[in-house]
Amino acid sequence: MADVTSFLVLSAAVFCGAFVSGLAGFAFSAIAGAILLHAMPPTEAVPLMMACSVGVQGANLWALRHHIQWKESLSLISGGLLGVPLALWLLHNTDSRTFREGFGVMVALYAGYMLFRPAIGYGRLPEGRNALVGFGGGLIGGLTAMPGALPTIWCDIHGVPKQQQRGLVQPFIAAMQISALVMMLLHRDLSMKVAYDVVLGAPALLAGSWLGIFAFRNINEANFRRVILSLLLVSGLLLVI
């Protein structure tokens, strides 16, 4: 019975995280972690969430392949990859908890304020700043596990439509998570138990991703923005709590 219960808990966590990530493009770990971190030790839950999140990002990239803006995303990714090493150094040499809590407060305040403010009209991102935003995203992602927060906020500030936003931010998030997964593999943080759990959760992962992507394609711009801001609000609060 314990094995059945563990399977159901794993499947529920992976499904919910995959659905939200398929819909919004991020927040898999925030949603799945709210369940998994109460059911298994962090040494198993964190690598499991990382591996599953990479799988969800792969599904997102395939589903959105016709909308991906590779040129713009590459500048984001290049900046992000430069920010990750600095984040790792800060993680081991500074009080990263204070940074996480401070960033969480700022994200929560921004999302809470913007939820009650009318959206601006459709706009374009300023040219030449993607690499800088990517650097900030990589730096923040290395310290908070939220690499997509800053690029997502950047897009929201400039009123970028949902298809363009996902086409720009999705490859960046995928690249940051793949780089983190590679680091885990190099440090041998992925055990056979984690690999077994990934296989067990694969059906729920695929089902949640498909339903999330389906919901994304059918949601209007206003409701998509509300979903994004709500998830930023929850994610920011979780960093503080």
Protein backbone atom coordinates (compact mmCIF):
# COMPACT_ATOMS: atom_id res chain seq x y z
CA MET A 1 0.00 0.00 0.00
CA ALA A 2 2.89 2.33 0.77
CA ASP A 3 4.22 1.86 -2.78
CA VAL A 4 0.80 2.65 -4.26
CA THR A 5 0.46 5.75 -2.11
CA SER A 6 3.96 6.92 -3.06
CA PHE A 7 3.15 6.42 -6.74
CA LEU A 8 -0.08 8.42 -6.45
CA VAL A 9 1.63 11.26 -4.59
CA LEU A 10 4.45 11.33 -7.14
CA SER A 11 2.03 11.29 -10.06
CA ALA A 12 -0.16 14.03 -8.56
CA ALA A 13 2.84 16.29 -7.90
CA VAL A 14 4.35 15.76 -11.35
CA PHE A 15 0.99 16.20 -13.11
CA CYS A 16 0.19 19.48 -11.33
CA GLY A 17 3.67 20.87 -11.91
CA ALA A 18 3.66 19.84 -15.57
CA PHE A 19 0.20 21.32 -16.15
CA VAL A 20 1.17 24.70 -14.71
CA SER A 21 4.49 24.72 -16.57
CA GLY A 22 2.77 23.76 -19.82
CA LEU A 23 0.31 26.61 -19.33
CA ALA A 24 2.65 29.33 -18.08
CA GLY A 25 6.10 28.11 -19.13
CA PHE A 26 7.59 28.00 -15.63
CA ALA A 27 6.87 27.19 -11.94
CA PHE A 28 7.13 23.38 -12.22
CA SER A 29 9.33 23.14 -9.12
CA ALA A 30 7.22 25.62 -7.14
CA ILE A 31 4.07 23.55 -7.69
CA ALA A 32 5.50 20.03 -7.63
CA GLY A 33 7.84 20.89 -4.77
CA ALA A 34 4.92 21.94 -2.56
CA ILE A 35 3.94 18.24 -2.61
CA LEU A 36 7.18 16.34 -3.13
CA LEU A 37 9.18 18.12 -0.42
CA HIS A 38 6.65 16.83 2.12
CA ALA A 39 6.84 13.27 0.78
CA MET A 40 10.58 12.70 0.27
CA PRO A 41 13.90 14.17 1.41
CA PRO A 42 15.26 17.19 -0.50
CA THR A 43 18.23 15.12 -1.74
CA GLU A 44 15.73 13.06 -3.76
CA ALA A 45 13.03 15.66 -4.43
CA VAL A 46 15.27 18.41 -5.88
CA PRO A 47 17.07 16.26 -8.50
CA LEU A 48 13.72 14.64 -9.37
CA MET A 49 12.07 18.02 -9.92
CA MET A 50 15.03 19.20 -11.99
CA ALA A 51 14.94 16.15 -14.25
CA CYS A 52 11.15 16.31 -14.67
CA SER A 53 11.26 20.05 -15.32
CA VAL A 54 13.73 19.53 -18.16
CA GLY A 55 11.28 17.00 -19.63
CA VAL A 56 8.44 19.52 -19.44
CA GLN A 57 10.58 22.18 -21.09
CA GLY A 58 11.33 19.76 -23.92
CA ALA A 59 7.60 19.24 -24.47
CA ASN A 60 7.02 23.00 -24.35
CA LEU A 61 9.73 23.69 -26.90
CA TRP A 62 8.33 21.10 -29.28
CA ALA A 63 4.77 22.39 -28.94
CA LEU A 64 5.87 26.01 -29.44
CA ARG A 65 8.54 25.34 -32.06
CA HIS A 66 6.85 27.56 -34.67
CA HIS A 67 6.88 30.53 -32.29
CA ILE A 68 10.40 30.21 -30.89
CA GLN A 69 12.51 33.35 -31.43
CA TRP A 70 15.91 31.74 -31.58
CA LYS A 71 17.95 34.85 -32.31
CA GLU A 72 16.53 36.85 -29.42
CA SER A 73 16.61 33.82 -27.10
CA LEU A 74 20.26 33.11 -27.85
CA SER A 75 21.23 36.52 -26.49
CA LEU A 76 19.20 35.77 -23.36
CA ILE A 77 20.85 32.36 -23.03
CA SER A 78 24.38 33.68 -23.55
CA GLY A 79 23.86 36.23 -20.79
CA GLY A 80 22.29 33.61 -18.54
CA LEU A 81 25.18 31.18 -18.92
CA LEU A 82 27.53 33.96 -17.80
CA GLY A 83 25.39 34.62 -14.74
CA VAL A 84 25.23 31.01 -13.52
CA PRO A 85 28.92 30.67 -12.47
CA LEU A 86 28.68 33.92 -10.50
CA ALA A 87 25.51 32.62 -8.83
CA LEU A 88 27.27 29.39 -7.84
CA TRP A 89 30.15 31.37 -6.33
CA LEU A 90 27.74 33.59 -4.39
CA LEU A 91 25.80 30.51 -3.28
CA HIS A 92 28.88 29.14 -1.55
CA ASN A 93 30.41 32.40 -0.30
CA THR A 94 27.54 34.67 0.72
CA ASP A 95 24.24 34.56 2.60
CA SER A 96 22.07 33.50 -0.34
CA ARG A 97 19.04 33.11 1.92
CA THR A 98 18.84 36.87 2.43
CA PHE A 99 19.02 37.40 -1.33
CA ARG A 100 16.28 34.81 -1.95
CA GLU A 101 13.97 36.39 0.59
CA GLY A 102 14.61 39.90 -0.71
CA PHE A 103 14.03 38.84 -4.31
CA GLY A 104 10.90 36.96 -3.27
CA VAL A 105 9.49 40.09 -1.63
CA MET A 106 10.18 42.19 -4.75
CA VAL A 107 8.60 39.62 -7.09
CA ALA A 108 5.54 39.24 -4.86
CA LEU A 109 5.09 43.02 -4.57
CA TYR A 110 5.45 43.49 -8.32
CA ALA A 111 3.00 40.70 -9.15
CA GLY A 112 0.49 41.83 -6.52
CA TYR A 113 0.59 45.41 -7.79
CA MET A 114 0.35 44.46 -11.47
CA LEU A 115 -2.59 42.13 -10.85
CA PHE A 116 -4.70 45.18 -9.98
CA ARG A 117 -3.31 47.40 -12.70
CA PRO A 118 -4.69 47.37 -16.25
CA ALA A 119 -2.35 45.79 -18.77
CA ILE A 120 -0.57 48.11 -21.16
CA GLY A 121 -1.05 47.70 -24.90
CA TYR A 122 1.06 45.32 -26.95
CA GLY A 123 4.65 46.44 -27.20
CA ARG A 124 8.16 45.43 -28.19
CA LEU A 125 11.24 44.78 -26.11
CA PRO A 126 14.05 47.35 -26.34
CA GLU A 127 16.82 46.07 -28.58
CA GLY A 128 20.25 45.22 -27.18
CA ARG A 129 19.21 44.46 -23.60
CA ASN A 130 18.31 40.77 -23.81
CA ALA A 131 21.80 39.63 -22.83
CA LEU A 132 21.72 41.83 -19.72
CA VAL A 133 18.29 40.51 -18.73
CA GLY A 134 19.52 36.97 -19.40
CA PHE A 135 22.55 37.56 -17.17
CA GLY A 136 20.25 38.70 -14.38
CA GLY A 137 17.98 35.71 -14.98
CA GLY A 138 20.90 33.27 -14.82
CA LEU A 139 22.26 34.92 -11.68
CA ILE A 140 18.87 34.94 -9.96
CA GLY A 141 18.07 31.43 -11.16
CA GLY A 142 21.26 30.06 -9.65
CA LEU A 143 20.32 31.54 -6.27
CA THR A 144 16.55 31.03 -6.27
CA ALA A 145 15.82 28.24 -8.82
CA MET A 146 13.62 30.77 -10.70
CA PRO A 147 15.58 31.60 -13.89
CA GLY A 148 12.48 32.64 -15.80
CA ALA A 149 11.22 35.22 -13.31
CA LEU A 150 13.23 38.22 -14.53
CA PRO A 151 12.71 37.63 -18.31
CA THR A 152 8.99 37.05 -17.65
CA ILE A 153 8.69 40.31 -15.70
CA TRP A 154 10.67 42.09 -18.44
CA CYS A 155 8.18 40.88 -21.04
CA ASP A 156 5.19 41.84 -18.87
CA ILE A 157 6.50 45.36 -18.31
CA HIS A 158 6.67 45.89 -22.08
CA GLY A 159 3.31 44.28 -22.85
CA VAL A 160 4.72 41.42 -24.95
CA PRO A 161 1.92 39.11 -26.27
CA LYS A 162 1.78 35.57 -24.89
CA GLN A 163 3.05 33.75 -28.01
CA GLN A 164 6.02 36.09 -28.35
CA GLN A 165 6.74 35.92 -24.63
CA ARG A 166 6.76 32.11 -24.55
CA GLY A 167 8.80 31.98 -27.77
CA LEU A 168 11.44 34.19 -26.20
CA VAL A 169 11.56 32.96 -22.59
CA GLN A 170 10.97 29.22 -23.08
CA PRO A 171 14.35 28.38 -24.68
CA PHE A 172 16.09 30.44 -21.99
CA ILE A 173 14.44 28.53 -19.14
CA ALA A 174 15.19 25.21 -20.85
CA ALA A 175 18.86 26.14 -21.31
CA MET A 176 19.25 27.21 -17.68
CA GLN A 177 17.63 24.00 -16.41
CA ILE A 178 19.66 21.78 -18.72
CA SER A 179 22.87 23.45 -17.53
CA ALA A 180 21.82 22.86 -13.91
CA LEU A 181 21.00 19.22 -14.69
CA VAL A 182 24.41 18.75 -16.32
CA MET A 183 26.06 20.13 -13.19
CA MET A 184 24.08 17.66 -11.08
CA LEU A 185 25.21 14.81 -13.33
CA LEU A 186 28.83 15.91 -13.04
CA HIS A 187 28.51 15.97 -9.26
CA ARG A 188 26.66 12.62 -9.33
CA ASP A 189 23.62 14.02 -7.56
CA LEU A 190 21.22 11.92 -9.68
CA SER A 191 20.78 8.46 -8.14
CA MET A 192 19.11 5.37 -9.56
CA LYS A 193 16.18 6.08 -7.23
CA VAL A 194 15.66 9.45 -8.91
CA ALA A 195 15.87 7.85 -12.37
CA TYR A 196 13.30 5.23 -11.29
CA ASP A 197 10.94 7.95 -10.01
CA VAL A 198 11.29 9.87 -13.29
CA VAL A 199 10.21 6.76 -15.21
CA LEU A 200 7.27 6.21 -12.83
CA GLY A 201 6.15 9.81 -13.18
CA ALA A 202 6.57 9.98 -16.97
CA PRO A 203 2.88 9.27 -17.82
CA ALA A 204 1.68 12.01 -15.44
CA LEU A 205 4.38 14.32 -16.78
CA LEU A 206 3.27 13.85 -20.38
CA ALA A 207 -0.43 14.16 -19.53
CA GLY A 208 0.07 17.32 -17.47
CA SER A 209 2.29 18.92 -20.11
CA TRP A 210 -0.19 18.18 -22.90
CA LEU A 211 -3.16 19.58 -20.95
CA GLY A 212 -1.17 22.65 -19.92
CA ILE A 213 -0.12 23.38 -23.50
CA PHE A 214 -3.71 22.85 -24.66
CA ALA A 215 -4.89 25.37 -22.03
CA PHE A 216 -2.21 27.86 -23.13
CA ARG A 217 -3.39 27.70 -26.72
CA ASN A 218 -6.97 28.39 -25.70
CA ILE A 219 -6.50 31.07 -23.05
CA ASN A 220 -6.84 34.73 -24.00
CA GLU A 221 -4.17 37.35 -23.43
CA ALA A 222 -5.80 38.91 -20.36
CA ASN A 223 -6.26 35.62 -18.53
CA PHE A 224 -2.77 34.44 -19.50
CA ARG A 225 -1.33 37.58 -17.92
CA ARG A 226 -3.34 36.94 -14.75
CA VAL A 227 -2.00 33.38 -14.60
CA ILE A 228 1.59 34.58 -15.04
CA LEU A 229 1.29 37.26 -12.37
CA SER A 230 -0.48 34.91 -9.96
CA LEU A 231 2.31 32.34 -10.34
CA LEU A 232 4.96 35.02 -9.84
CA LEU A 233 3.13 36.11 -6.69
CA VAL A 234 2.97 32.55 -5.32
CA SER A 235 6.58 31.81 -6.27
CA GLY A 236 7.80 35.02 -4.65
CA LEU A 237 5.91 34.25 -1.43
CA LEU A 238 7.32 30.73 -1.36
CA LEU A 239 10.84 32.15 -1.52
CA VAL A 240 10.08 34.27 1.54
CA ILE A 241 8.30 31.52 3.47
